[in-house]
N, C-alpha and C. Protein backbone atom coordinates (compact mmCIF):
# COMPACT_ATOMS: atom_id res chain seq x y z
N MET A 1 115.48 105.40 85.08
CA MET A 1 116.55 104.89 85.85
C MET A 1 116.02 103.23 85.56
N ALA A 2 115.35 102.65 84.70
CA ALA A 2 115.57 101.62 84.17
C ALA A 2 117.45 100.70 84.03
N GLY A 3 117.06 99.51 84.37
CA GLY A 3 118.78 99.02 84.30
C GLY A 3 119.08 99.21 85.65
N ARG A 4 119.20 100.26 86.48
CA ARG A 4 120.00 100.58 87.57
C ARG A 4 118.78 100.80 88.86
N ARG A 5 119.61 100.83 89.71
CA ARG A 5 118.70 101.22 91.12
C ARG A 5 119.67 102.57 91.61
N THR A 6 118.31 103.32 92.16
CA THR A 6 118.45 104.65 92.79
C THR A 6 119.16 104.71 94.08
N MET A 7 120.43 105.40 93.84
CA MET A 7 121.20 105.04 95.50
C MET A 7 121.39 104.31 95.84
N GLU A 8 121.47 102.94 95.19
CA GLU A 8 121.29 101.88 96.07
C GLU A 8 122.32 101.64 97.13
N TRP A 9 123.69 102.08 97.31
CA TRP A 9 124.52 102.37 98.39
C TRP A 9 124.04 102.55 100.01
N ALA A 10 123.18 103.70 99.76
CA ALA A 10 122.74 104.31 100.39
C ALA A 10 121.68 103.24 101.78
N ALA A 11 121.06 102.47 100.63
CA ALA A 11 120.09 101.31 101.51
C ALA A 11 120.80 99.95 101.60
N SER A 12 122.34 100.08 101.95
CA SER A 12 123.08 98.70 102.28
C SER A 12 123.17 98.99 103.71
N PRO A 13 123.44 98.21 104.95
CA PRO A 13 124.11 97.84 105.91
C PRO A 13 125.09 98.31 105.87
N GLU A 14 125.67 98.22 105.29
CA GLU A 14 127.46 98.77 105.56
C GLU A 14 127.82 100.47 105.03
N HIS A 15 126.86 100.95 104.55
CA HIS A 15 126.71 102.35 104.56
C HIS A 15 127.10 103.32 105.40
N LEU A 16 128.50 103.74 105.94
CA LEU A 16 129.01 104.19 106.95
C LEU A 16 129.17 103.58 108.18
N GLY A 17 129.26 102.58 108.05
CA GLY A 17 129.14 101.14 109.50
C GLY A 17 127.74 101.27 109.96
N GLY A 18 126.61 101.47 108.66
CA GLY A 18 125.19 101.56 109.49
C GLY A 18 124.64 102.86 110.09
N ILE A 19 126.02 103.29 110.93
CA ILE A 19 125.26 104.18 111.36
C ILE A 19 123.96 105.68 111.08
N PRO A 20 123.82 105.77 109.86
CA PRO A 20 123.23 106.73 109.23
C PRO A 20 121.71 106.17 109.58
N ARG A 21 121.91 104.82 108.76
CA ARG A 21 120.21 103.73 108.87
C ARG A 21 119.85 104.22 110.53
N LYS A 22 120.70 103.13 111.26
CA LYS A 22 120.53 103.19 112.82
C LYS A 22 119.56 104.39 113.39
N ILE A 23 120.42 105.59 112.70
CA ILE A 23 119.99 107.03 113.12
C ILE A 23 118.24 107.32 112.77
N VAL A 24 117.99 106.82 111.51
CA VAL A 24 117.24 107.75 110.32
C VAL A 24 115.75 106.29 111.08
N ILE A 25 116.21 104.95 111.24
CA ILE A 25 115.09 104.61 111.87
C ILE A 25 114.91 104.76 113.19
N ALA A 26 115.85 104.96 113.82
CA ALA A 26 115.53 105.37 115.57
C ALA A 26 114.66 106.42 115.72
N ALA A 27 114.53 107.40 114.70
CA ALA A 27 114.26 108.93 114.87
C ALA A 27 112.75 108.53 114.75
N VAL A 28 112.77 107.68 112.92
CA VAL A 28 111.56 108.08 112.68
C VAL A 28 110.46 107.05 113.37
N GLY A 29 111.04 105.92 114.09
CA GLY A 29 110.69 104.77 114.53
C GLY A 29 109.97 105.54 115.70
N ALA A 30 110.60 106.22 116.68
CA ALA A 30 110.61 106.87 117.57
C ALA A 30 109.18 107.91 117.48
N PHE A 31 109.38 108.57 116.22
CA PHE A 31 107.97 109.57 116.29
C PHE A 31 106.68 108.55 116.06
N ALA A 32 106.54 107.66 115.26
CA ALA A 32 105.63 106.73 115.18
C ALA A 32 104.97 106.21 116.71
N LYS A 33 106.29 106.24 117.10
CA LYS A 33 105.75 105.40 118.40
C LYS A 33 105.12 106.41 119.62
N VAL A 34 105.47 107.82 119.69
CA VAL A 34 104.92 108.62 120.37
C VAL A 34 103.59 108.84 119.77
N PHE A 35 103.73 108.91 118.39
CA PHE A 35 102.49 109.52 118.03
C PHE A 35 101.07 108.36 118.32
N THR A 36 101.87 106.98 117.82
CA THR A 36 100.78 106.09 117.95
C THR A 36 100.36 105.53 119.46
N SER A 37 101.28 105.76 120.17
CA SER A 37 101.09 104.54 121.53
C SER A 37 100.66 106.10 122.07
N PHE A 38 100.85 107.10 122.29
CA PHE A 38 100.49 108.13 123.11
C PHE A 38 100.10 109.38 123.11
N LEU A 39 99.78 109.79 121.12
CA LEU A 39 99.30 111.13 121.31
C LEU A 39 97.87 110.66 120.38
N THR A 40 97.95 109.51 120.25
CA THR A 40 96.17 108.85 119.54
C THR A 40 96.02 107.67 120.40
N SER A 41 94.63 107.79 120.11
CA SER A 41 93.86 106.50 120.58
C SER A 41 93.98 105.50 119.12
N THR A 42 94.73 104.32 119.86
CA THR A 42 95.11 103.36 118.85
C THR A 42 94.61 101.88 119.35
N SER A 43 93.90 100.94 118.44
CA SER A 43 93.86 99.76 119.22
C SER A 43 94.17 98.61 118.21
N VAL A 44 95.06 97.83 118.85
CA VAL A 44 95.58 96.22 118.00
C VAL A 44 95.42 95.04 118.39
N HIS A 45 94.49 94.50 117.00
CA HIS A 45 94.10 93.31 117.06
C HIS A 45 95.34 92.08 117.07
N ASN A 46 96.00 91.30 117.66
CA ASN A 46 96.56 89.79 117.15
C ASN A 46 97.30 90.82 116.64
N SER A 47 98.33 91.76 117.23
CA SER A 47 99.76 92.16 117.20
C SER A 47 100.78 91.48 117.78
N GLU A 48 100.32 90.33 118.60
CA GLU A 48 101.22 89.28 118.96
C GLU A 48 101.82 87.82 117.70
N THR A 49 101.38 88.42 116.69
CA THR A 49 101.43 87.16 115.38
C THR A 49 102.54 88.51 114.68
N LEU A 50 102.22 89.70 114.33
CA LEU A 50 103.09 89.91 113.77
C LEU A 50 104.65 90.32 114.67
N ILE A 51 104.81 90.67 115.66
CA ILE A 51 105.69 90.26 116.32
C ILE A 51 106.93 89.63 116.44
N HIS A 52 105.57 88.16 116.58
CA HIS A 52 106.46 86.92 116.93
C HIS A 52 107.19 86.59 115.14
N LEU A 53 106.75 87.06 114.14
CA LEU A 53 107.16 86.70 113.05
C LEU A 53 108.08 87.78 112.32
N VAL A 54 108.29 89.13 113.03
CA VAL A 54 109.27 89.82 113.03
C VAL A 54 110.33 89.27 113.25
N ARG A 55 109.98 88.90 114.33
CA ARG A 55 111.33 88.60 115.51
C ARG A 55 111.59 87.20 115.82
N HIS A 56 111.14 86.33 115.58
CA HIS A 56 111.56 84.88 115.28
C HIS A 56 110.85 83.82 114.53
N ARG A 57 110.76 84.49 113.45
CA ARG A 57 110.61 83.94 112.07
C ARG A 57 112.13 82.90 112.15
N SER A 58 111.67 81.44 111.22
CA SER A 58 113.22 80.93 110.67
C SER A 58 113.91 82.03 109.95
N PRO A 59 115.71 81.46 110.13
CA PRO A 59 116.38 82.58 109.48
C PRO A 59 115.94 82.14 108.13
N ARG A 60 116.25 83.13 107.06
CA ARG A 60 116.33 83.24 105.88
C ARG A 60 115.07 82.60 105.61
N VAL A 61 113.99 82.87 105.80
CA VAL A 61 112.50 82.51 105.50
C VAL A 61 111.75 84.23 105.63
N PRO A 62 111.53 84.63 104.09
CA PRO A 62 111.11 85.93 104.14
C PRO A 62 109.75 86.40 104.82
N LEU A 63 109.16 87.57 104.79
CA LEU A 63 108.18 88.00 105.59
C LEU A 63 107.21 89.01 104.09
N ILE A 64 106.35 88.95 104.16
CA ILE A 64 105.49 89.76 103.45
C ILE A 64 104.42 90.46 104.24
N THR A 65 104.13 91.78 104.34
CA THR A 65 102.91 92.10 104.97
C THR A 65 102.26 92.81 103.70
N VAL A 66 101.32 92.73 103.74
CA VAL A 66 100.37 93.95 103.00
C VAL A 66 98.95 94.38 103.69
N SER A 67 98.53 95.60 103.28
CA SER A 67 97.66 96.52 103.82
C SER A 67 97.21 97.18 102.36
N ASN A 68 95.82 97.44 103.51
CA ASN A 68 95.34 98.58 102.95
C ASN A 68 95.99 100.00 102.68
N HIS A 69 95.60 101.32 101.85
CA HIS A 69 96.60 102.26 102.21
C HIS A 69 95.36 103.72 102.11
N MET A 70 95.47 103.85 103.43
CA MET A 70 94.46 104.87 103.75
C MET A 70 95.18 106.59 104.54
N SER A 71 96.49 106.42 103.92
CA SER A 71 97.28 107.32 104.09
C SER A 71 98.88 107.81 103.68
N THR A 72 99.37 108.68 103.71
CA THR A 72 100.78 108.99 102.84
C THR A 72 101.44 108.42 104.33
N LEU A 73 100.71 108.57 105.52
CA LEU A 73 101.67 108.14 106.91
C LEU A 73 100.93 106.97 107.30
N ASP A 74 100.49 105.70 106.99
CA ASP A 74 100.30 104.45 106.87
C ASP A 74 101.56 104.30 107.47
N ASP A 75 102.47 104.02 106.63
CA ASP A 75 104.14 104.30 107.07
C ASP A 75 105.09 105.36 107.77
N PRO A 76 104.95 105.25 108.24
CA PRO A 76 105.58 104.42 109.27
C PRO A 76 104.46 104.11 110.90
N LEU A 77 103.42 104.92 110.89
CA LEU A 77 102.45 105.50 111.90
C LEU A 77 102.44 103.79 112.22
N MET A 78 101.65 103.02 111.52
CA MET A 78 101.11 101.46 112.08
C MET A 78 102.39 100.71 112.45
N TRP A 79 103.43 100.97 112.68
CA TRP A 79 104.37 100.26 113.32
C TRP A 79 104.63 100.55 115.05
N GLY A 80 103.99 101.81 115.21
CA GLY A 80 104.14 102.35 116.07
C GLY A 80 103.45 102.43 117.51
N PHE A 81 102.76 100.92 117.14
CA PHE A 81 101.93 100.44 118.29
C PHE A 81 102.96 99.88 119.58
N ARG A 82 102.07 100.16 121.05
CA ARG A 82 103.13 99.09 121.61
C ARG A 82 103.74 98.28 121.45
N GLY A 83 104.45 97.66 121.98
CA GLY A 83 105.41 96.79 122.13
C GLY A 83 105.75 96.01 120.75
N PHE A 84 106.07 96.99 120.14
CA PHE A 84 106.35 96.34 118.57
C PHE A 84 107.95 97.24 118.40
N PRO A 85 109.01 96.61 117.94
CA PRO A 85 110.21 97.21 117.83
C PRO A 85 110.43 98.17 116.65
N THR A 86 109.64 99.36 117.03
CA THR A 86 109.71 100.44 116.08
C THR A 86 110.93 100.88 116.10
N THR A 87 111.83 100.98 116.37
CA THR A 87 113.61 101.86 116.20
C THR A 87 114.61 100.74 116.07
N ASP A 88 114.48 99.78 115.85
CA ASP A 88 115.31 98.73 115.34
C ASP A 88 115.44 98.05 114.18
N ALA A 89 116.83 99.16 113.56
CA ALA A 89 117.19 99.13 112.37
C ALA A 89 117.34 97.96 111.60
N ARG A 90 117.46 96.63 112.54
CA ARG A 90 117.96 95.18 111.68
C ARG A 90 116.72 94.80 111.80
N LEU A 91 115.31 94.70 112.61
CA LEU A 91 114.20 94.45 112.48
C LEU A 91 113.54 95.47 111.59
N ALA A 92 113.55 96.52 111.10
CA ALA A 92 112.67 97.36 110.26
C ALA A 92 112.28 96.72 109.08
N ARG A 93 111.30 96.81 108.75
CA ARG A 93 110.38 96.32 107.37
C ARG A 93 111.39 96.84 105.84
N TRP A 94 111.59 96.33 104.73
CA TRP A 94 111.80 97.18 103.83
C TRP A 94 110.23 97.71 103.37
N VAL A 95 109.94 98.63 102.36
CA VAL A 95 108.79 98.97 102.51
C VAL A 95 108.71 99.63 100.77
N LEU A 96 107.81 99.03 99.56
CA LEU A 96 107.92 99.81 98.61
C LEU A 96 106.91 101.06 98.71
N ALA A 97 107.98 102.38 98.01
CA ALA A 97 107.66 103.47 97.93
C ALA A 97 107.89 104.09 96.23
N ALA A 98 105.97 105.13 96.60
CA ALA A 98 105.86 105.58 95.46
C ALA A 98 107.51 106.44 94.71
N GLU A 99 107.93 106.31 93.75
CA GLU A 99 109.16 107.23 93.63
C GLU A 99 108.45 108.66 93.00
N ASP A 100 107.14 109.14 92.63
CA ASP A 100 107.03 110.28 92.14
C ASP A 100 106.56 111.22 94.34
N ILE A 101 106.80 110.47 94.88
CA ILE A 101 106.56 110.67 96.48
C ILE A 101 107.47 111.59 97.34
N CYS A 102 108.18 110.18 97.49
CA CYS A 102 109.16 109.60 98.78
C CYS A 102 110.59 110.15 97.88
N PHE A 103 110.74 110.07 96.15
CA PHE A 103 112.18 110.42 95.78
C PHE A 103 112.14 111.59 94.57
N LYS A 104 111.23 112.36 95.02
CA LYS A 104 112.27 113.76 94.51
C LYS A 104 113.23 114.42 94.24
N ASN A 105 113.85 114.39 95.02
CA ASN A 105 115.41 115.14 95.05
C ASN A 105 116.19 114.04 95.70
N THR A 106 117.89 114.70 95.91
CA THR A 106 118.57 114.13 96.30
C THR A 106 118.03 113.81 97.71
N VAL A 107 118.22 114.61 98.43
CA VAL A 107 117.96 114.67 100.03
C VAL A 107 117.13 113.85 100.29
N LEU A 108 115.77 113.92 99.66
CA LEU A 108 114.70 112.96 100.29
C LEU A 108 115.08 111.72 99.55
N THR A 109 115.93 111.18 98.64
CA THR A 109 115.89 109.94 98.15
C THR A 109 117.22 109.23 99.16
N TYR A 110 117.78 109.99 99.31
CA TYR A 110 118.90 109.29 100.96
C TYR A 110 118.05 109.12 101.77
N PHE A 111 117.18 110.19 102.41
CA PHE A 111 116.61 109.69 103.43
C PHE A 111 115.68 108.38 103.12
N PHE A 112 115.10 108.61 102.62
CA PHE A 112 114.34 107.35 102.22
C PHE A 112 115.13 106.28 102.13
N ARG A 113 116.16 106.05 101.58
CA ARG A 113 116.91 104.93 101.45
C ARG A 113 117.38 104.38 102.66
N LEU A 114 117.74 105.31 103.46
CA LEU A 114 118.22 104.50 104.26
C LEU A 114 116.85 104.42 105.84
N GLY A 115 115.90 104.59 104.97
CA GLY A 115 114.90 104.62 105.67
C GLY A 115 114.80 102.94 105.43
N LYS A 116 114.97 102.30 104.41
CA LYS A 116 114.79 101.34 103.69
C LYS A 116 113.42 100.89 102.86
N CYS A 117 113.30 101.93 102.27
CA CYS A 117 112.18 102.19 101.54
C CYS A 117 113.27 101.95 100.27
N ILE A 118 112.30 101.56 99.35
CA ILE A 118 112.53 100.75 97.56
C ILE A 118 111.84 101.73 96.44
N PRO A 119 112.12 102.50 96.14
CA PRO A 119 111.44 103.40 95.23
C PRO A 119 110.59 102.49 93.96
N ILE A 120 109.66 102.47 93.99
CA ILE A 120 108.91 102.44 92.51
C ILE A 120 108.26 103.24 92.15
N THR A 121 108.72 102.79 90.56
CA THR A 121 107.76 103.67 90.02
C THR A 121 105.93 103.41 89.04
N ARG A 122 105.07 103.78 89.76
CA ARG A 122 103.71 103.31 89.64
C ARG A 122 103.78 103.17 87.76
N GLY A 123 102.98 102.30 87.55
CA GLY A 123 102.48 102.06 86.30
C GLY A 123 103.92 101.38 85.14
N ALA A 124 105.31 101.14 85.80
CA ALA A 124 106.21 100.75 85.03
C ALA A 124 106.12 98.95 85.14
N GLY A 125 105.07 98.58 85.50
CA GLY A 125 105.15 97.14 85.56
C GLY A 125 105.78 96.40 87.02
N ILE A 126 105.72 95.00 86.44
CA ILE A 126 106.36 93.61 87.56
C ILE A 126 107.74 93.62 87.31
N TYR A 127 107.98 93.93 86.30
CA TYR A 127 109.97 93.57 86.43
C TYR A 127 110.43 95.12 86.28
N GLN A 128 110.29 96.24 86.54
CA GLN A 128 111.21 96.91 86.31
C GLN A 128 112.35 96.53 87.69
N GLU A 129 113.61 97.50 87.70
CA GLU A 129 114.46 96.88 88.56
C GLU A 129 114.28 96.75 89.58
N HIS A 130 113.53 98.06 90.41
CA HIS A 130 113.64 98.05 91.35
C HIS A 130 112.36 97.17 92.68
N MET A 131 111.72 96.10 91.64
CA MET A 131 110.62 94.83 91.68
C MET A 131 112.06 94.11 92.13
N ASN A 132 113.13 93.99 91.21
CA ASN A 132 114.17 93.00 91.32
C ASN A 132 115.06 93.05 92.60
N GLU A 133 115.02 94.73 93.12
CA GLU A 133 115.85 94.53 94.43
C GLU A 133 114.79 94.31 95.37
N ALA A 134 113.61 94.49 95.61
CA ALA A 134 112.61 93.91 96.10
C ALA A 134 112.76 92.63 96.64
N LEU A 135 113.08 91.50 95.30
CA LEU A 135 113.11 90.52 95.22
C LEU A 135 114.47 89.90 95.88
N ASP A 136 115.42 91.12 95.65
CA ASP A 136 116.90 90.86 96.64
C ASP A 136 116.71 90.77 97.79
N ARG A 137 115.82 91.42 98.38
CA ARG A 137 115.68 91.32 99.90
C ARG A 137 114.83 90.40 100.53
N LEU A 138 113.86 89.89 99.78
CA LEU A 138 112.98 88.97 100.21
C LEU A 138 114.12 87.74 100.24
N SER A 139 114.97 87.20 98.97
CA SER A 139 115.99 86.39 98.85
C SER A 139 117.11 86.21 100.25
N ASP A 140 117.15 87.46 100.93
CA ASP A 140 118.06 87.50 101.88
C ASP A 140 117.04 87.41 103.39
N GLY A 141 115.88 86.78 102.80
CA GLY A 141 115.26 86.56 104.61
C GLY A 141 114.57 87.89 105.15
N GLY A 142 114.67 88.96 104.27
CA GLY A 142 114.08 90.02 105.02
C GLY A 142 112.72 90.35 104.79
N TRP A 143 112.25 91.28 105.13
CA TRP A 143 110.47 91.38 105.69
C TRP A 143 110.51 92.78 104.71
N LEU A 144 109.43 92.18 104.18
CA LEU A 144 108.79 93.62 102.99
C LEU A 144 107.21 93.78 103.56
N HIS A 145 107.02 95.18 103.66
CA HIS A 145 105.58 95.86 103.47
C HIS A 145 105.12 96.42 101.78
N MET A 146 104.06 96.00 101.55
CA MET A 146 103.44 96.24 100.31
C MET A 146 102.26 96.87 100.79
N PHE A 147 101.73 97.89 99.57
CA PHE A 147 100.53 98.58 99.62
C PHE A 147 99.53 97.74 97.92
N PRO A 148 99.28 96.68 98.16
CA PRO A 148 99.30 96.01 96.74
C PRO A 148 97.91 97.06 95.75
N GLU A 149 97.14 97.77 96.64
CA GLU A 149 96.46 98.41 95.76
C GLU A 149 97.02 99.69 94.77
N GLY A 150 98.36 99.77 95.17
CA GLY A 150 99.08 100.71 94.42
C GLY A 150 98.63 102.13 94.76
N LYS A 151 97.96 102.77 95.34
CA LYS A 151 97.74 104.13 95.59
C LYS A 151 96.86 104.63 97.04
N VAL A 152 96.75 105.50 97.55
CA VAL A 152 95.85 105.91 98.35
C VAL A 152 94.56 105.73 98.47
N SER A 153 93.84 105.70 99.03
CA SER A 153 92.26 105.43 99.03
C SER A 153 91.73 105.69 100.28
N GLN A 154 90.66 106.71 100.41
CA GLN A 154 90.39 107.20 101.47
C GLN A 154 88.99 107.17 101.58
N THR A 155 88.24 106.44 101.08
CA THR A 155 86.91 106.21 100.53
C THR A 155 86.07 105.17 101.10
N ASN A 156 85.27 104.85 101.59
CA ASN A 156 84.52 103.31 102.42
C ASN A 156 83.92 102.35 101.47
N ALA A 157 84.95 102.61 100.16
CA ALA A 157 84.45 102.22 99.08
C ALA A 157 85.30 100.49 99.05
N PRO A 158 84.76 99.50 98.68
CA PRO A 158 85.07 98.03 98.63
C PRO A 158 87.36 98.66 98.06
N ILE A 159 87.64 97.97 98.76
CA ILE A 159 89.28 97.37 98.22
C ILE A 159 89.16 97.41 96.88
N ARG A 160 90.07 98.52 95.93
CA ARG A 160 90.13 98.60 94.84
C ARG A 160 90.90 97.16 93.86
N ARG A 161 91.03 96.72 92.59
CA ARG A 161 91.75 95.65 92.18
C ARG A 161 93.36 95.67 92.73
N LEU A 162 93.67 94.07 93.08
CA LEU A 162 95.09 94.32 93.51
C LEU A 162 95.78 94.53 92.44
N LYS A 163 97.40 95.25 92.69
CA LYS A 163 98.17 95.08 91.58
C LYS A 163 98.81 93.95 91.52
N TRP A 164 99.74 93.22 90.76
CA TRP A 164 100.20 92.11 90.33
C TRP A 164 101.46 91.83 90.99
N GLY A 165 101.76 92.42 91.84
CA GLY A 165 103.49 92.85 92.18
C GLY A 165 103.62 92.23 93.30
N THR A 166 102.65 92.02 94.27
CA THR A 166 102.65 91.16 95.68
C THR A 166 103.03 89.41 94.85
N ALA A 167 102.03 89.04 94.02
CA ALA A 167 101.89 87.77 93.41
C ALA A 167 103.18 87.59 92.87
N SER A 168 103.39 88.22 92.13
CA SER A 168 105.17 88.21 91.15
C SER A 168 106.05 88.05 92.19
N LEU A 169 105.91 88.86 93.45
CA LEU A 169 107.21 88.58 93.95
C LEU A 169 106.98 86.86 95.22
N ILE A 170 106.05 86.61 95.65
CA ILE A 170 105.70 85.00 95.88
C ILE A 170 106.27 84.56 95.43
N ALA A 171 105.96 84.51 94.04
CA ALA A 171 106.03 83.48 93.01
C ALA A 171 107.85 82.94 92.89
N ARG A 172 107.99 84.65 92.44
CA ARG A 172 109.66 84.72 92.24
C ARG A 172 110.54 84.20 93.35
N ALA A 173 110.32 84.53 94.22
CA ALA A 173 110.91 84.41 96.02
C ALA A 173 111.59 82.95 96.09
N PRO A 174 113.01 82.86 96.03
CA PRO A 174 113.62 81.38 96.00
C PRO A 174 113.09 80.69 97.36
N ILE A 175 112.50 80.78 98.50
CA ILE A 175 111.98 80.55 99.32
C ILE A 175 110.87 80.80 99.70
N THR A 176 109.54 80.40 99.24
CA THR A 176 108.02 81.16 99.42
C THR A 176 108.06 81.57 100.84
N PRO A 177 107.62 83.06 100.53
CA PRO A 177 107.48 84.07 102.35
C PRO A 177 106.43 83.76 102.79
N ILE A 178 106.33 83.82 104.05
CA ILE A 178 105.29 84.01 104.82
C ILE A 178 104.45 85.38 104.77
N VAL A 179 103.31 85.28 104.27
CA VAL A 179 102.14 86.45 103.98
C VAL A 179 101.17 86.63 104.64
N LEU A 180 101.19 87.93 105.33
CA LEU A 180 100.45 88.48 106.69
C LEU A 180 99.87 89.82 106.34
N PRO A 181 98.58 89.40 106.01
CA PRO A 181 97.67 90.72 105.78
C PRO A 181 97.04 91.65 107.09
N ILE A 182 97.06 92.81 106.58
CA ILE A 182 96.74 93.89 107.46
C ILE A 182 95.75 94.59 107.40
N ALA A 183 94.68 94.84 108.13
CA ALA A 183 93.13 95.48 107.64
C ALA A 183 93.84 97.11 108.75
N HIS A 184 93.74 98.31 108.11
CA HIS A 184 93.74 99.12 109.19
C HIS A 184 92.43 100.20 109.13
N CYS A 185 92.25 101.14 110.02
CA CYS A 185 91.68 102.03 109.87
C CYS A 185 91.87 103.76 110.51
N GLY A 186 91.32 104.33 110.32
CA GLY A 186 92.18 105.15 111.06
C GLY A 186 92.91 106.59 110.65
N PHE A 187 93.80 105.90 109.94
CA PHE A 187 94.61 106.83 108.86
C PHE A 187 94.23 108.10 108.08
N GLU A 188 93.24 107.60 107.54
CA GLU A 188 92.67 108.96 106.87
C GLU A 188 92.43 110.29 107.65
N LYS A 189 92.13 109.62 108.91
CA LYS A 189 92.19 110.95 109.90
C LYS A 189 93.21 111.84 109.91
N VAL A 190 94.01 111.38 110.36
CA VAL A 190 95.23 111.23 110.77
C VAL A 190 96.42 112.28 109.48
N MET A 191 95.75 111.80 108.44
CA MET A 191 96.52 112.85 107.48
C MET A 191 95.34 112.42 105.87
N PRO A 192 94.33 113.84 106.28
CA PRO A 192 93.22 113.43 105.26
C PRO A 192 93.50 113.81 103.90
N GLU A 193 93.72 113.34 102.80
CA GLU A 193 94.55 114.42 101.41
C GLU A 193 93.92 115.05 101.16
N LYS A 194 92.60 116.20 101.29
CA LYS A 194 92.30 117.08 100.91
C LYS A 194 91.23 117.92 102.05
N SER A 195 91.73 118.08 103.21
CA SER A 195 91.39 119.07 104.15
C SER A 195 92.36 120.19 104.45
N PHE A 196 93.17 120.86 103.49
CA PHE A 196 94.58 121.91 103.78
C PHE A 196 94.10 122.32 102.26
N PHE A 197 93.08 123.19 101.99
CA PHE A 197 93.02 124.25 100.63
C PHE A 197 93.19 122.90 99.48
N GLY A 198 92.55 121.96 99.94
CA GLY A 198 92.55 120.89 98.76
C GLY A 198 93.73 119.64 98.54
N ARG A 199 94.21 119.81 99.74
CA ARG A 199 95.80 119.09 99.62
C ARG A 199 95.97 118.62 101.12
N ARG A 200 97.08 117.77 100.91
CA ARG A 200 97.23 117.11 102.59
C ARG A 200 97.24 118.36 103.62
N PRO A 201 97.72 118.39 104.80
CA PRO A 201 97.88 119.23 105.27
C PRO A 201 99.60 119.30 105.86
N PRO A 202 100.41 120.06 106.33
CA PRO A 202 101.60 119.74 106.12
C PRO A 202 102.01 119.02 107.73
N LEU A 203 100.62 119.24 109.02
CA LEU A 203 100.77 118.35 109.78
C LEU A 203 100.49 116.68 110.13
N PRO A 204 100.27 115.82 110.65
CA PRO A 204 98.95 115.07 110.96
C PRO A 204 98.37 115.39 111.66
N SER A 205 97.08 115.33 112.47
CA SER A 205 96.42 115.36 113.27
C SER A 205 96.26 114.68 113.82
N LEU A 206 95.91 114.86 115.27
CA LEU A 206 95.58 114.10 116.46
C LEU A 206 94.36 113.70 116.68
N GLN A 207 94.00 112.35 116.85
CA GLN A 207 92.36 111.90 116.77
C GLN A 207 92.95 110.94 118.49
């Protein structure tokens, strides 16, 4: 993967007129909206800050959101709360996603690339090619979400040492990004890591 970007053409807004991206973002966003807003009990504090930054920050000013990582469904479910533009492909976040989970084959790679996911190889360092792609998205004034712990943690222990990637992108961005930290809990009950014969369940749980 070094030196090239995996299926970058599928991540382009011009790919097939942007229609595949709009379909994927709308479908995944609708799932998140229904699950988070209607099928589970959700409480969100200071949501207006995030909504304002997503909709109304100055043009070309990038946004980085960072959060703890409680489950493999944190994204997209954490964006499904009421009032958030979950199904708008233009406003949707870019997100760093683990290559070994989300990009196992061609079909998954195409799907997640349409969903504005950037594949990251854990342990490959802050200068791997897809970190440069993330920097390009920030240079365009985009919104990038990151899980700086680097992996899912479902314990009540203090947050682990954060990876350097977030700080690197902030320092390297041509325009200093707005950085918004987000803390969440409860997603570990929706998608527990080892509740189904020692593995993740095939479907999320209603809470």
